[in-house]
C-alpha cells in the first residue's frame, strides 16, 4: 500500500477495542470482538484487509448469542477492490454490499455479493451451467463491517469471505514463468500481480492492418501446467486505480480472443495454441461491461495468448486477470538443490550411488517420475547490478564508483563434468542411472495427474550410496577413427588412482556398438598380458571381463573386436567388484571425447545402406527344412527415424511380397519364405529384391536379384 508498504492482510482499521479485533478472523467461534459502549457509534467499525483482491461470491457474518455477547442489531457491510483513489494516501472507494432493514436477531448472516457492470459467459455448453447463477460476485480486497446502532453486549465472532477459489495467476515469475507482449499491449505482468493499483495498458490510435501488425497482443507462461476451468478479467473504470472520475474514455476494448496451450509444439517448434475464449465486439449497453467471468470445462493449461480482434478502438487498462482451478495442478516439476554426498558423509569424497528409492501414493490417472544427474564440480555465475537495480556487465560494474554500485547476485550452476539428465526411473530401488561415483547429484521429480480431483503424493525419497571402489577412474578408446560397419580391433585403456580405504575392482563392463566375440578379448594389467578369469557377452552391446586379481592403481588395457555403425559412438566402461555385485562405478573420459569413436567417411557420404547380404542367393522353399528362406540383412547408416522396407518383384515389375523387418534400428534383417501376398507359393524363377532405407535424402535404395528353385 502507499503508506504501509507490503502488508500480509489482517485488520486494516478498527475504531473500538482494537486489541480484540483480530478475533473476528481467527476461525474460533468462541472468541469475539465486542465494541465498547463508551465509544461513539462512529467507532463501531472494523475493516479487514484480505491481503490481495479475491473474486468473492459471499460474505458471512457469524454472531454469538449468549450472556454478555449478542448479535448486532443494525449494521452495514461494504467492500472495496483495493485500488486507491488518491495518489498520496491509502484512500479506497467502498461500495455497500448489505444493510439491515430491520433489527437482526440471527447468528449467521449470509450476504450474496452483487456487483455492477458484470457479465458471466459459459464457454462449453456441455457444462449445463446457468450463467446467471455465476453472476454473483465482486472483486474484493477490503471488507468493512459498520454498526448502525449501539446495543448492549453487541459482539461479532467471525467474518468469512467465500471466494471462487485460489487465484493461480499469482506468482508467475516465482514459478519460472514469463510474459511477452506486442507494442500496443504493454505490461501484462501487472494483471497477474494481485495489486489493483497497477494495470496493463492497451491503447490503439491508427490501424496498421490488424492486431499482428500493430502488436495488440500479449502472452504468459504460467510456469507450470494447471487444470483450469474459470477465468476472470477486471477492466478499469473511471475513478478506479487513480483514474479520473471525469474521464469516460476507459473501456473493456472492442473484442478479443484468448487461446491456450498445454505446452505442445508445432512442427516448426512454436507453441501450439487452441482457441478458448472469444469475446465479440460490444454492442449497445455491452460497452459498459467491465467485469468478465468465464466458465469452461477443465483444461490443462500452461500458456495463454491474448489478442484483440482489431487494432482500433482500444483505450483499456486490464487491472487483474484471475485464473481458477477445479483441483490439483496437472503437473508439478520439483528440482532438488545440489546434494553434496561428500559433505553428508563427512569426508568430502565422491560416493558410489547404488539405488534410488522412494515411497509414494499414486492413485489411478496419476504418475510420479524421477530422474537424476551427477557431477563433481559446481560453478558460480555472477550477475552485477547498479544502484538503480539495472543489470550491468562485470567490466561496467568495476568501473562504477562504489557509491553507485548495486548488489551482486551469485547463482550456483553445474560444472563442465556433469552428465545429462538420466532416463526416468521405472521403479523404486532401481540402480542409479547417472554417472557414479560423483560428489554432487541433483534430482528432478515430475508429479502429474489426468484427474484434477486426485494427485500423487511423495512420502519419502532416499539414495543408497557407499564409498567408491577407487577415488578416480579414467579411460580412453583407440583407434578413434574407423571405417563404418567394418570389424575393427579396439583397445580400451583404463587408469585409476586410489586412496587409503579404497577396495579396488576386479570386474569391467563395456557398452559396445555391436556384439563382441568373447574368444578374441585380450587383457593387460600394468602392461603385462594376463588371462581374464571370465569373459561374457550379453546381447549385442554388453561385454563383461572378470579380472584375475583386484586392481587399485595399475593400468588396465582390454582389446576386443567390434563394428561401429554410428558416428560419434560412445564406448562406456564401468568398474565392478565381485563382493559388491550391485555396484558399478562409471569411468570418465581421460580428456574430452576420449571415449568417442568417429566415422570420418560417413558424414560426407550419401550412402545409407551398407554390408548388404542376401543369403542364400538361390533358395528352395519346398518345406524340407533346407534353404527354405532367404535372409536379407544390411546396416542402416545415418538415417534417423527412417522406415526401411524390402519388397520382392517379379521380372515383369509386379510386386509379389512386402517383407517385415525383425532387426533393430541399425542392423536390419528381413526374411522371405517364397510366398506371395496371398500366401501362395511363388513359381520358380528370378526375382528382384528392392531395399529402401526409407530416408528423405541420400543413396537409400539398392536392387538385388535372387532365385527360387525347387
Foldseek 3Di string as FASTA:
>chain_A
DQPPPQDQWAWPDAQFPVVQVRQQAPPDQVGWDDGDPVDDQVRQKTKTFQRFWFWFFKKKWFFDPDVLGAAAFWKWKWFFLQFALDPRDRHTDIDTQDTDPGTDRDRMDMTGAADPLEFEDEQDVVVVDDRVVVRTTDTGGMMMMGHPDDDGSYITRYMDTHGPADFLLEPQVVLVKDKDFFPQWPDCVQQSHRHQLAWIWHDFDDFPDFCVVRTQKMKMFSNAKFWFFKKKWAWDAASGNNHHVPDGLAWPWQWKWKWFALQDADPVGHTDTDTDDTGHGDDDPNRSRGMYMYGYHIDTGGMMMMGGGGRDDDGITTRHMTTHHPAAGQKDKDKDDKDFQCVVVPNSAFWFWWFKAFDKDAPPQKDKWKKKKFAADKDKDKWWAWQVRDTDDPVVQVPDDPVGTDDIDIDIGHDPGMDDIFHIDDHGGDTHGYADRYRIMMMMMMIGGPDRHDTMGTDDIDIDIGHALARAKAKFKPDQEDAAFDKDKMKIKMFTAHDPPRNAFFKKKKFDPFAWDQVPKWKDWLNHTDDFPDWDTDHTTMIMTGHPDGDHGIMMMMIIIDGDAAAFDFIWMWTHHPVCVSTTHTHHHPDPSRRTHGHVVAPVALDFKAPWDWPPLEAELPPPPGRQKIKTKIFGHPADPADKWKWKAAPVGHTFDTWDWPDDDTITMTMDRQHGPVRHHDDWDKMKIWIARRHPGGDGIDIDMGTYDD
